[in-house]
C-alpha cells in the first residue's frame, strides 16, 4: 500500500446481517503501523454475541463475530473455549482451524508460535515467503502470508481470541535478550526483537495497552470470565534467563537448580502470585507456553529433561507449585503448547521428600501443523508413560484442545486431524479428560 494514512469505518451490530447496528465510528490506519487498526469498543452488553465489520474506501471486510464476557460479579453456567499453538505454514494445512470455526465456543486461546521465522524452503507442503526473518518488513510479510489462510481466517472471524507469543514469533528458543546463536550480540538481538514485536502487535487482536516500546512489550495480563474462571496470560520468553546446560533435552547438569533462574522474571512472577492470591474465580487458568510437568524423556535408567521447559528452571517451577498448595488456590489449571504433542499431566509436589500430592492439572496441546502428520503412538510412548506416573496421556497427532468448564467440572477433549499434509482430514476426538472441582488431577472419561 502507499505510505498514506487511510480512514477506516467500523460498525458493531447485534445481528449477523449487520442490520441492528449499536455502535459505529471511524479510525485511521497509519502506514507506520502497517495500516492496522485496533478498535476498542466500550458500552456493549455483557455475555452476548456481536458482529463487526470494517470499510475503507469502496472495500468492505468480511463480517466477524465476538462475544463479550459475563459481568465480573456473575457466576456463568459454563465457559467453552479451545486452545491451540504452533502453526508452521510450510509443514501442513490449517485444516484443524476449519473444524474449530464450526465448534460452539466462547473464545479461542492461542499459546504461541503463530508464525515461524525460518526462510522459505523448497519441496514443502507450502512455502514461506522471504528469507529468515530479521527486519520489520520481513516479519510483516510473514504475518500477512499466514493471514491469507482461509481456515485461519474462519477461526478468527468466528470467535474472540486471547493470544500470547512463544519463541518463533521472534526467534527459536529466545531467552530474554540472549540468542541461541553464540555470535549474536544482545544489542543486535534486541533490534530484531523490536521488529518482531511491532509486527506481532500490528497483526494480532491485542489491545493498545500492549503497544510495544522498542524491544519491550508487556503481554502478560488477566482476563476474567465472571467468577467462573480467570485467565492469567503469561509470557515465558521475554523475561527468562538463559536455558541451563546449553539448552536442549539432556541429563541434568546442576544449572536447572539455579535459584536465580527464572522463566517469568521477578515482576511477572510477583504479578502472577498476587493475582492468584486475590482471585475469587472458581478456576484459575495459566495460559502459557511450555510444559510444566517434569517429564523424563529418556527410556531406561538415564534421565533427560527439556532445558527449554519448566524443568530447566526447577526452583522457579517449585515455587509456583508450592504456592498453589500453601495458598490453597482454587482449581489451578496450566495450559501449554510449544512441543507439537498432546499431554495430560498431574502436577505434584514430588520434590524435597514431599509426598507427591497433586496440586494442579496440566493440559498441553499439540501443534496445528508443526511436525507434519504426527502419530497416535509416538516413539518411546510406552516408556514415557511407564517412567512418568504424572503423565496420563500423550501423542503427537495434530489439532487443538476443546475445553468445557462449569462450576463443578472441567472437561478437555483432544480434537485431532489424522493428517495435515493433504486436505480434507476429518476431526476426531482422540481422548477426553475431566477434573472435578476441588480435586486436582485429571481422570480419563
Protein backbone atom coordinates (compact mmCIF):
# COMPACT_ATOMS: atom_id res chain seq x y z
CA UNK A 1 0.00 0.00 0.00
CA UNK A 2 1.11 3.60 -0.44
CA UNK A 3 2.67 5.25 2.61
CA UNK A 4 -0.50 7.22 3.29
CA UNK A 5 -2.96 7.20 6.17
CA UNK A 6 -6.35 5.65 5.37
CA UNK A 7 -9.64 6.35 7.10
CA UNK A 8 -11.40 3.16 8.17
CA UNK A 9 -15.03 2.95 9.21
CA UNK A 10 -16.22 0.30 11.66
CA UNK A 11 -19.56 -0.83 13.00
CA UNK A 12 -20.83 -3.29 15.56
CA UNK A 13 -24.25 -4.92 15.29
CA UNK A 14 -26.47 -7.25 17.29
CA UNK A 15 -27.20 -9.45 14.27
CA UNK A 16 -25.04 -11.25 11.72
CA UNK A 17 -26.68 -9.36 8.83
CA UNK A 18 -25.42 -6.08 10.34
CA UNK A 19 -28.93 -4.61 10.37
CA UNK A 20 -29.11 -3.73 14.10
CA UNK A 21 -26.04 -1.50 14.40
CA UNK A 22 -25.39 -0.49 18.01
CA UNK A 23 -22.09 1.37 17.61
CA UNK A 24 -20.04 2.76 14.76
CA UNK A 25 -17.19 5.13 14.13
CA UNK A 26 -14.04 5.85 12.17
CA UNK A 27 -10.36 5.39 12.88
CA UNK A 28 -7.14 5.88 10.94
CA UNK A 29 -4.97 3.11 9.51
CA UNK A 30 -1.45 4.51 9.75
CA UNK A 31 1.36 3.25 7.47
CA UNK A 32 3.75 3.37 10.44
CA UNK A 33 1.71 0.51 11.93
CA UNK A 34 1.23 -1.48 8.73
CA UNK A 35 -2.20 0.09 8.17
CA UNK A 36 -3.57 -1.92 11.08
CA UNK A 37 -6.34 -0.68 13.36
CA UNK A 38 -7.10 -1.65 16.96
CA UNK A 39 -10.61 -0.51 17.81
CA UNK A 40 -11.72 -0.83 21.43
CA UNK A 41 -15.48 -0.54 21.89
CA UNK A 42 -16.99 0.35 25.27
CA UNK A 43 -20.60 0.16 26.43
CA UNK A 44 -21.63 -3.19 24.92
CA UNK A 45 -23.92 -5.52 26.83
CA UNK A 46 -22.18 -8.32 28.72
CA UNK A 47 -22.34 -12.02 27.87
CA UNK A 48 -23.70 -11.80 24.33
CA UNK A 49 -22.61 -12.15 20.73
CA UNK A 50 -21.94 -9.17 18.48
CA UNK A 51 -20.91 -8.93 14.83
CA UNK A 52 -18.47 -6.39 13.38
CA UNK A 53 -17.26 -5.11 10.02
CA UNK A 54 -14.80 -2.59 8.57
CA UNK A 55 -14.92 -0.37 5.49
CA UNK A 56 -12.10 1.50 3.76
CA UNK A 57 -12.89 3.38 0.55
CA UNK A 58 -15.02 1.09 -1.59
CA UNK A 59 -13.86 -2.07 0.18
CA UNK A 60 -15.88 -3.77 2.90
CA UNK A 61 -14.45 -6.54 5.07
CA UNK A 62 -15.97 -9.89 5.81
CA UNK A 63 -18.13 -9.96 8.94
CA UNK A 64 -16.54 -11.10 12.16
CA UNK A 65 -18.15 -12.26 15.39
CA UNK A 66 -17.16 -11.70 19.01
CA UNK A 67 -18.67 -12.40 22.41
CA UNK A 68 -18.48 -10.08 25.38
CA UNK A 69 -17.57 -11.65 28.72
CA UNK A 70 -20.08 -12.02 31.56
CA UNK A 71 -20.28 -9.40 34.34
CA UNK A 72 -17.44 -9.57 36.84
CA UNK A 73 -19.76 -10.46 39.75
CA UNK A 74 -21.70 -13.22 37.96
CA UNK A 75 -21.16 -16.98 38.04
CA UNK A 76 -21.78 -18.22 34.48
CA UNK A 77 -23.10 -21.72 33.98
CA UNK A 78 -20.32 -22.61 31.52
CA UNK A 79 -17.24 -21.45 29.61
CA UNK A 80 -16.41 -23.17 26.32
CA UNK A 81 -13.10 -22.50 24.65
CA UNK A 82 -10.37 -24.12 22.57
CA UNK A 83 -6.63 -23.64 22.77
CA UNK A 84 -4.02 -24.12 20.06
CA UNK A 85 -0.40 -23.38 19.16
CA UNK A 86 2.40 -24.00 16.66
CA UNK A 87 1.08 -23.48 13.14
CA UNK A 88 4.04 -23.91 10.78
CA UNK A 89 2.82 -22.80 7.36
CA UNK A 90 5.22 -25.00 5.39
CA UNK A 91 4.52 -28.17 7.40
CA UNK A 92 0.87 -28.61 6.53
CA UNK A 93 -2.62 -27.25 6.04
CA UNK A 94 -4.59 -25.47 8.75
CA UNK A 95 -7.48 -27.93 8.45
CA UNK A 96 -7.93 -28.02 12.22
CA UNK A 97 -8.91 -24.35 12.22
CA UNK A 98 -11.64 -25.07 9.69
CA UNK A 99 -13.10 -27.59 12.15
CA UNK A 100 -12.57 -25.26 15.11
CA UNK A 101 -14.56 -22.50 13.39
CA UNK A 102 -17.62 -24.78 13.45
CA UNK A 103 -17.37 -25.53 17.19
CA UNK A 104 -19.67 -24.00 19.80
CA UNK A 105 -17.12 -21.86 21.67
CA UNK A 106 -17.00 -18.62 23.61
CA UNK A 107 -13.38 -17.89 22.73
CA UNK A 108 -10.05 -19.26 21.47
CA UNK A 109 -6.71 -19.14 23.30
CA UNK A 110 -3.52 -19.19 21.20
CA UNK A 111 -0.38 -20.08 23.14
CA UNK A 112 2.27 -19.05 20.65
CA UNK A 113 4.23 -19.92 17.52
CA UNK A 114 1.60 -18.20 15.44
CA UNK A 115 4.23 -17.73 12.72
CA UNK A 116 7.64 -19.31 12.13
CA UNK A 117 10.69 -17.23 11.33
CA UNK A 118 12.80 -19.53 9.15
CA UNK A 119 13.50 -18.87 5.46
CA UNK A 120 11.27 -20.41 2.82
CA UNK A 121 12.21 -23.96 1.77
CA UNK A 122 11.57 -25.96 -1.35
CA UNK A 123 9.56 -29.20 -1.52
CA UNK A 124 7.30 -28.35 1.44
CA UNK A 125 3.50 -28.51 1.61
CA UNK A 126 3.54 -24.71 1.22
CA UNK A 127 6.45 -22.27 1.06
CA UNK A 128 7.27 -19.34 3.30
CA UNK A 129 7.85 -16.04 1.55
CA UNK A 130 11.22 -14.38 2.06
CA UNK A 131 14.43 -15.12 3.96
CA UNK A 132 14.87 -15.85 7.65
CA UNK A 133 13.04 -13.01 9.35
CA UNK A 134 15.16 -10.13 10.56
CA UNK A 135 13.63 -6.79 9.53
CA UNK A 136 10.23 -5.26 10.22
CA UNK A 137 9.24 -5.80 6.58
CA UNK A 138 10.23 -9.47 6.87
CA UNK A 139 8.03 -10.06 9.92
CA UNK A 140 5.12 -8.11 8.43
CA UNK A 141 5.17 -10.14 5.24
CA UNK A 142 5.25 -13.43 7.13
CA UNK A 143 2.27 -12.46 9.28
CA UNK A 144 0.43 -11.33 6.15
CA UNK A 145 1.13 -14.65 4.43
CA UNK A 146 -0.24 -16.65 7.37
CA UNK A 147 -3.35 -14.47 7.43
CA UNK A 148 -4.16 -15.48 3.83
CA UNK A 149 -5.10 -18.98 5.00
CA UNK A 150 -8.91 -19.36 4.74
CA UNK A 151 -9.24 -21.75 7.69
CA UNK A 152 -7.27 -19.43 9.96
CA UNK A 153 -9.42 -16.52 8.77
CA UNK A 154 -12.56 -18.51 9.57
CA UNK A 155 -11.45 -19.22 13.14
CA UNK A 156 -10.58 -15.57 13.72
CA UNK A 157 -13.93 -14.46 12.31
CA UNK A 158 -15.90 -16.92 14.45
CA UNK A 159 -14.59 -16.13 17.94
CA UNK A 160 -12.67 -13.63 20.03
CA UNK A 161 -9.05 -14.72 20.57
CA UNK A 162 -6.78 -14.47 23.61
CA UNK A 163 -3.20 -14.56 22.32
CA UNK A 164 0.34 -14.73 23.63
CA UNK A 165 3.60 -15.46 21.88
CA UNK A 166 6.24 -18.13 22.27
CA UNK A 167 9.63 -18.12 20.55
CA UNK A 168 9.01 -18.38 16.78
CA UNK A 169 7.16 -15.08 16.57
CA UNK A 170 10.70 -13.75 17.12
CA UNK A 171 13.48 -16.39 17.06
CA UNK A 172 13.86 -20.03 18.02
CA UNK A 173 14.41 -20.67 21.76
CA UNK A 174 14.86 -16.99 22.52
CA UNK A 175 15.61 -16.26 26.17
CA UNK A 176 15.31 -12.60 27.07
CA UNK A 177 17.99 -10.77 25.07
CA UNK A 178 20.03 -13.95 24.53
CA UNK A 179 20.09 -15.69 21.16
CA UNK A 180 20.60 -19.41 20.74
CA UNK A 181 23.34 -18.46 18.25
CA UNK A 182 26.57 -17.63 20.12
CA UNK A 183 27.77 -14.96 17.69
CA UNK A 184 24.72 -12.67 18.08
CA UNK A 185 25.13 -9.69 20.42
CA UNK A 186 22.30 -8.76 22.80
CA UNK A 187 22.13 -5.30 21.20
CA UNK A 188 21.59 -6.70 17.70
CA UNK A 189 19.16 -9.27 19.06
CA UNK A 190 17.02 -6.59 20.66
CA UNK A 191 16.88 -4.60 17.41
CA UNK A 192 15.47 -7.71 15.74
CA UNK A 193 13.08 -8.30 18.65
CA UNK A 194 11.72 -4.77 18.31
CA UNK A 195 10.79 -5.54 14.69
CA UNK A 196 9.21 -8.86 15.64
CA UNK A 197 7.16 -7.42 18.49
CA UNK A 198 5.92 -4.48 16.46
CA UNK A 199 4.75 -6.74 13.62
CA UNK A 200 3.06 -9.04 16.15
CA UNK A 201 1.16 -6.14 17.69
CA UNK A 202 0.11 -4.88 14.28
CA UNK A 203 -1.30 -8.19 13.12
CA UNK A 204 -2.85 -9.66 16.27
CA UNK A 205 -6.04 -8.91 18.24
CA UNK A 206 -4.47 -7.27 21.29
CA UNK A 207 -5.34 -4.01 23.00
CA UNK A 208 -3.50 -0.72 22.78
CA UNK A 209 -2.26 -1.29 26.34
CA UNK A 210 0.17 -3.78 24.80
CA UNK A 211 1.65 -1.24 22.38
CA UNK A 212 5.35 -2.17 22.19
CA UNK A 213 8.09 0.20 23.26
CA UNK A 214 11.03 -0.78 21.08
CA UNK A 215 12.06 -4.33 22.04
CA UNK A 216 9.77 -4.35 25.10
CA UNK A 217 6.10 -5.27 25.13
CA UNK A 218 4.05 -6.22 28.16
CA UNK A 219 1.80 -9.02 27.00
CA UNK A 220 1.01 -10.69 30.34
CA UNK A 221 -2.46 -9.82 31.62
CA UNK A 222 -5.53 -11.15 33.43
CA UNK A 223 -8.78 -11.91 31.65
CA UNK A 224 -11.72 -12.87 33.89
CA UNK A 225 -14.82 -14.77 32.77
CA UNK A 226 -17.12 -13.69 35.57
CA UNK A 227 -16.37 -15.62 38.76
CA UNK A 228 -16.22 -18.91 36.87
CA UNK A 229 -12.67 -18.59 35.53
CA UNK A 230 -9.74 -16.23 35.26
CA UNK A 231 -7.00 -16.49 32.65
CA UNK A 232 -3.53 -15.40 33.71
CA UNK A 233 -1.93 -14.96 30.27
CA UNK A 234 1.84 -15.34 30.66
CA UNK A 235 4.99 -14.53 28.70
CA UNK A 236 7.71 -17.12 29.31
CA UNK A 237 10.14 -15.76 26.68
CA UNK A 238 10.75 -12.05 27.11
CA UNK A 239 11.89 -12.11 30.75
CA UNK A 240 13.51 -15.53 31.17
CA UNK A 241 17.15 -16.20 31.94
CA UNK A 242 19.21 -18.30 29.56
CA UNK A 243 18.44 -22.00 29.29
CA UNK A 244 20.76 -24.06 31.51
CA UNK A 245 23.10 -26.83 30.44
CA UNK A 246 23.40 -25.41 26.90
CA UNK A 247 19.67 -25.83 26.18
CA UNK A 248 18.20 -28.95 24.55
CA UNK A 249 16.90 -32.16 26.12
CA UNK A 250 19.65 -33.66 28.25
CA UNK A 251 20.69 -35.01 31.62
CA UNK A 252 20.55 -32.53 34.49
CA UNK A 253 23.80 -30.60 34.92
CA UNK A 254 23.05 -28.62 38.08
CA UNK A 255 22.16 -25.43 36.25
CA UNK A 256 18.49 -26.34 36.36
CA UNK A 257 18.63 -25.89 40.15
CA UNK A 258 19.95 -22.33 39.99
CA UNK A 259 17.75 -20.37 42.46
CA UNK A 260 18.15 -17.22 40.37
CA UNK A 261 16.99 -18.83 37.13
CA UNK A 262 13.54 -17.67 36.05
CA UNK A 263 11.06 -18.25 33.27
CA UNK A 264 8.83 -15.32 34.21
CA UNK A 265 11.12 -12.64 35.59
CA UNK A 266 10.65 -11.23 39.08
CA UNK A 267 8.00 -8.64 38.19
CA UNK A 268 5.77 -11.01 36.21
CA UNK A 269 6.06 -13.75 38.83
CA UNK A 270 5.04 -11.36 41.61
CA UNK A 271 2.14 -10.15 39.45
CA UNK A 272 1.05 -13.76 38.86
CA UNK A 273 1.21 -14.81 42.51
CA UNK A 274 -0.52 -11.65 43.74
CA UNK A 275 -3.32 -12.21 41.24
CA UNK A 276 -3.75 -15.84 42.23
CA UNK A 277 -3.78 -14.96 45.92
CA UNK A 278 -6.62 -12.46 45.42
CA UNK A 279 -8.56 -14.39 42.80
CA UNK A 280 -12.20 -15.20 43.51
CA UNK A 281 -12.54 -17.39 40.39
CA UNK A 282 -13.67 -21.00 40.64
CA UNK A 283 -10.96 -21.99 38.13
CA UNK A 284 -7.56 -20.30 37.81
CA UNK A 285 -6.02 -20.83 34.38
CA UNK A 286 -2.37 -20.23 33.48
CA UNK A 287 -2.34 -19.68 29.70
CA UNK A 288 1.33 -20.05 28.89
CA UNK A 289 3.77 -21.69 26.54
CA UNK A 290 5.98 -24.52 27.83
CA UNK A 291 5.27 -27.77 29.68
CA UNK A 292 5.42 -27.52 33.47
CA UNK A 293 5.50 -31.23 34.35
CA UNK A 294 8.97 -32.69 34.97
CA UNK A 295 8.85 -35.45 32.37
CA UNK A 296 11.83 -37.78 31.90
CA UNK A 297 12.27 -38.12 28.13
CA UNK A 298 14.86 -40.94 28.23
CA UNK A 299 13.83 -44.60 28.49
CA UNK A 300 15.67 -46.80 30.97
CA UNK A 301 17.97 -45.66 33.76
CA UNK A 302 19.07 -42.44 32.06
CA UNK A 303 17.27 -39.18 32.78
CA UNK A 304 16.78 -36.38 30.27
CA UNK A 305 14.67 -33.26 30.63
CA UNK A 306 13.93 -30.32 28.38
CA UNK A 307 16.02 -27.36 29.47
CA UNK A 308 13.73 -25.04 27.50
CA UNK A 309 10.68 -26.00 29.58
CA UNK A 310 9.87 -25.50 33.27
CA UNK A 311 12.15 -28.41 34.40
CA UNK A 312 15.10 -26.32 33.17
CA UNK A 313 14.04 -23.75 35.77
CA UNK A 314 13.25 -26.20 38.54
CA UNK A 315 13.35 -23.84 41.54
CA UNK A 316 11.01 -21.43 39.76
CA UNK A 317 8.71 -24.38 38.97
CA UNK A 318 8.71 -25.49 42.60
CA UNK A 319 7.81 -22.01 43.83
CA UNK A 320 4.71 -21.95 41.65
CA UNK A 321 3.55 -25.44 42.65
CA UNK A 322 4.21 -24.81 46.33
CA UNK A 323 2.24 -21.57 46.10
CA UNK A 324 -0.74 -23.47 44.67
CA UNK A 325 -0.72 -25.70 47.73
CA UNK A 326 0.16 -23.27 50.51
CA UNK A 327 -2.28 -20.57 49.43
CA UNK A 328 -4.98 -23.11 48.55
CA UNK A 329 -5.51 -21.66 45.07
CA UNK A 330 -8.87 -22.77 43.69
CA UNK A 331 -8.57 -25.30 40.87
CA UNK A 332 -5.31 -24.24 39.15
CA UNK A 333 -5.07 -25.49 35.57
CA UNK A 334 -1.97 -24.97 33.43
CA UNK A 335 -2.28 -24.80 29.65
CA UNK A 336 0.75 -25.28 27.42
CA UNK A 337 1.92 -25.83 23.86
CA UNK A 338 5.28 -25.46 22.09
CA UNK A 339 6.30 -29.13 21.78
CA UNK A 340 3.98 -30.34 18.98
CA UNK A 341 2.44 -33.07 21.09
CA UNK A 342 -0.52 -33.73 23.36
CA UNK A 343 -0.05 -34.32 27.08
CA UNK A 344 -2.24 -34.59 30.17
CA UNK A 345 -0.19 -34.28 33.37
CA UNK A 346 -0.79 -34.22 37.09
CA UNK A 347 1.38 -31.52 38.67
CA UNK A 348 2.58 -32.81 42.02
CA UNK A 349 4.80 -31.72 44.89
CA UNK A 350 7.24 -34.53 44.14
CA UNK A 351 10.44 -32.83 45.30
CA UNK A 352 12.45 -32.49 48.51
CA UNK A 353 10.89 -35.52 50.13
CA UNK A 354 7.34 -34.28 49.82
CA UNK A 355 4.51 -36.74 49.47
CA UNK A 356 3.79 -36.26 45.76
CA UNK A 357 0.43 -34.59 46.38
CA UNK A 358 -1.18 -33.44 43.12
CA UNK A 359 -1.81 -29.69 43.35
CA UNK A 360 -2.76 -28.78 39.77
CA UNK A 361 -3.58 -30.23 36.37
CA UNK A 362 -1.78 -29.55 33.10
CA UNK A 363 -3.16 -29.82 29.57
CA UNK A 364 -0.57 -29.46 26.82
CA UNK A 365 -1.93 -29.13 23.30
CA UNK A 366 -0.28 -30.34 20.14
CA UNK A 367 0.51 -28.25 17.07
CA UNK A 368 -1.88 -27.21 14.33
CA UNK A 369 0.68 -28.38 11.73
CA UNK A 370 4.24 -28.22 13.09
CA UNK A 371 5.98 -31.57 12.79
CA UNK A 372 3.80 -32.94 10.00
CA UNK A 373 1.12 -35.60 10.32
CA UNK A 374 2.09 -36.96 13.73
CA UNK A 375 1.28 -40.28 15.35
CA UNK A 376 -1.21 -41.89 17.72
CA UNK A 377 1.66 -43.74 19.43
CA UNK A 378 4.98 -41.90 19.02
CA UNK A 379 8.43 -43.31 19.71
CA UNK A 380 9.08 -44.08 23.40
CA UNK A 381 5.36 -43.65 24.13
CA UNK A 382 5.12 -46.66 26.45
CA UNK A 383 8.40 -45.86 28.22
CA UNK A 384 7.38 -42.26 28.87
CA UNK A 385 4.08 -43.32 30.43
CA UNK A 386 5.77 -46.08 32.43
CA UNK A 387 8.53 -43.85 33.81
CA UNK A 388 6.41 -40.77 34.44
CA UNK A 389 3.36 -41.59 36.59
CA UNK A 390 2.25 -37.96 36.30
CA UNK A 391 1.57 -38.41 32.57
CA UNK A 392 -1.99 -39.55 31.84
CA UNK A 393 -1.98 -39.14 28.04
CA UNK A 394 0.49 -38.46 25.23
CA UNK A 395 0.53 -38.50 21.44
CA UNK A 396 1.73 -36.38 18.51
CA UNK A 397 -1.36 -36.04 16.34
CA UNK A 398 -2.25 -32.53 15.14
CA UNK A 399 -5.21 -30.45 16.26
CA UNK A 400 -6.38 -28.49 19.31
CA UNK A 401 -7.91 -28.97 22.74
CA UNK A 402 -11.57 -28.12 23.39
CA UNK A 403 -12.48 -27.26 26.98
CA UNK A 404 -15.87 -27.03 28.71
CA UNK A 405 -15.81 -25.54 32.20
CA UNK A 406 -18.64 -25.40 34.75
CA UNK A 407 -18.54 -24.53 38.46
CA UNK A 408 -18.31 -28.24 39.27
CA UNK A 409 -16.22 -29.76 36.45
CA UNK A 410 -13.65 -29.14 33.72
CA UNK A 411 -13.63 -31.30 30.61
CA UNK A 412 -10.90 -31.29 27.94
CA UNK A 413 -11.40 -33.03 24.59
CA UNK A 414 -8.32 -33.66 22.45
CA UNK A 415 -9.56 -32.83 18.96
CA UNK A 416 -7.23 -34.19 16.26
CA UNK A 417 -6.96 -34.42 12.49
CA UNK A 418 -5.26 -37.55 11.21
CA UNK A 419 -3.20 -35.73 8.57
CA UNK A 420 -2.23 -32.19 7.59
CA UNK A 421 -0.12 -32.92 4.52
CA UNK A 422 -3.21 -33.10 2.29
CA UNK A 423 -6.66 -31.52 2.53
CA UNK A 424 -9.88 -33.00 3.84
CA UNK A 425 -8.85 -34.59 7.15
CA UNK A 426 -11.86 -35.35 9.37
CA UNK A 427 -11.95 -34.30 13.02
CA UNK A 428 -11.66 -36.99 15.70
CA UNK A 429 -11.99 -36.72 19.47
CA UNK A 430 -8.96 -38.81 20.43
CA UNK A 431 -9.29 -38.59 24.21
CA UNK A 432 -11.27 -36.76 26.90
CA UNK A 433 -10.33 -35.93 30.48
CA UNK A 434 -12.24 -34.37 33.36
CA UNK A 435 -11.30 -32.56 36.57
CA UNK A 436 -13.71 -32.45 39.47
CA UNK A 437 -13.74 -29.06 41.19
CA UNK A 438 -11.74 -29.24 44.41
CA UNK A 439 -9.81 -32.37 43.35
CA UNK A 440 -6.65 -31.68 41.36
CA UNK A 441 -5.74 -34.23 38.71
CA UNK A 442 -7.40 -35.35 35.50
CA UNK A 443 -9.40 -38.51 35.01
CA UNK A 444 -9.98 -40.07 31.60
CA UNK A 445 -13.65 -40.16 30.65
